[in-house]
Protein backbone atom coordinates (compact mmCIF):
# COMPACT_ATOMS: atom_id res chain seq x y z
CA MET A 1 125.38 126.71 83.59
CA SER A 2 126.00 126.55 80.17
CA ASN A 3 126.23 129.64 78.04
CA TYR A 4 123.63 128.53 76.10
CA ASP A 5 121.57 127.92 79.24
CA ILE A 6 122.31 131.72 80.06
CA SER A 7 121.45 132.61 75.88
CA ILE A 8 118.27 131.02 76.21
CA GLY A 9 117.13 132.51 79.71
CA ILE A 10 118.30 136.06 78.65
CA HIS A 11 116.27 135.72 75.51
CA HIS A 12 113.22 134.48 77.73
CA LYS A 13 113.81 137.40 79.73
CA ILE A 14 113.67 140.03 76.45
CA ASN A 15 110.54 138.16 74.84
CA LEU A 16 108.53 138.62 78.63
CA LYS A 17 109.66 141.98 78.85
CA GLU A 18 108.41 142.84 75.15
CA LYS A 19 105.66 140.85 75.90
CA ASN A 20 104.65 142.80 78.82
CA LEU A 21 105.41 146.24 77.33
CA LYS A 22 103.17 145.20 74.82
CA LYS A 23 100.07 144.34 77.26
CA LEU A 24 100.65 147.37 79.27
CA LYS A 25 100.47 149.43 75.95
CA GLN A 26 97.36 148.06 74.67
CA ASN A 27 95.64 148.54 78.74
CA CYS A 28 97.17 152.19 78.29
CA ASP A 29 95.20 152.77 74.89
CA ALA A 30 92.31 150.93 76.64
CA PHE A 31 92.29 153.23 79.54
CA GLU A 32 92.60 156.10 77.68
CA SER A 33 89.57 155.02 75.46
CA GLU A 34 87.39 155.11 78.74
CA ILE A 35 88.48 158.10 79.27
CA LEU A 36 87.88 159.62 76.36
CA ASN A 37 84.29 157.51 76.44
CA PHE A 38 83.46 159.29 79.51
CA PHE A 39 84.33 163.06 78.38
CA LEU A 40 82.83 162.57 75.05
CA LYS A 41 79.28 161.22 77.18
CA LYS A 42 79.09 164.67 79.40
CA ALA A 43 80.13 166.69 76.68
CA LEU A 44 77.59 165.29 73.69
CA LYS A 45 74.99 164.67 76.67
CA GLU A 46 71.80 166.81 75.11
CA GLU A 47 68.71 166.64 77.28
CA SER A 48 65.43 168.09 75.73
CA LYS A 49 62.02 167.91 77.41
CA LEU A 50 60.29 168.46 74.22
CA PHE A 51 61.95 165.53 72.65
CA PRO A 52 62.84 163.27 75.28
CA GLU A 53 65.05 160.21 73.95
CA THR A 54 63.38 156.61 73.00
CA PRO A 55 65.71 153.54 74.78
CA GLY A 56 67.10 152.69 71.23
CA GLU A 57 68.58 156.05 70.34
CA LYS A 58 70.09 155.96 74.08
CA ILE A 59 71.68 152.43 72.99
CA TYR A 60 72.62 153.53 69.41
CA LYS A 61 74.36 157.03 71.20
CA SER A 62 76.19 155.41 73.78
CA MET A 63 77.59 152.73 71.02
CA GLN A 64 78.41 155.48 68.26
CA ILE A 65 80.22 157.65 71.48
CA GLU A 66 82.27 154.06 72.09
CA GLN A 67 83.20 153.71 68.56
CA ILE A 68 84.64 156.99 68.43
CA SER A 69 86.31 157.33 71.87
CA LYS A 70 88.40 153.72 70.49
CA GLN A 71 89.03 155.71 67.22
CA ILE A 72 90.53 158.87 68.41
CA SER A 73 92.14 157.09 71.36
CA GLY A 74 96.00 157.08 71.20
CA ASN A 75 96.20 160.48 69.46
CA PHE A 76 95.54 162.69 72.73
CA GLY A 77 98.36 161.53 74.60
CA TYR A 78 97.13 160.09 78.00
CA SER A 79 98.36 157.26 76.77
CA GLU A 80 101.58 157.86 75.81
CA LEU A 81 101.92 159.67 79.16
CA LEU A 82 100.62 156.68 81.13
CA PHE A 83 102.87 154.33 79.22
CA ASN A 84 106.09 156.11 79.54
CA TYR A 85 105.29 156.04 83.45
CA LEU A 86 104.68 152.60 84.05
CA LYS A 87 106.84 151.06 81.68
CA LYS A 88 109.60 151.80 84.08
CA SER A 89 108.29 149.88 86.74
CA ILE A 90 108.71 146.58 84.18
């Protein structure tokens, strides 16, 4: 095996590790978004027997909470904590 082959193999491993770390970061951010989505749905749950929500309002509110959780994910530290823990295994 030549030095060139070894160099290509090492370069390939580095690129693969970088891709895996990038994918892991994306998945950690998505997981944090899901956690925040769950918390926001519970926190913003309003039940009014006087003015019940229509199905359209429920769908809109669910979509709104989902978008808010995506926007604020990455700022709470769950994603970073999980990423730092899991990246050791890559």
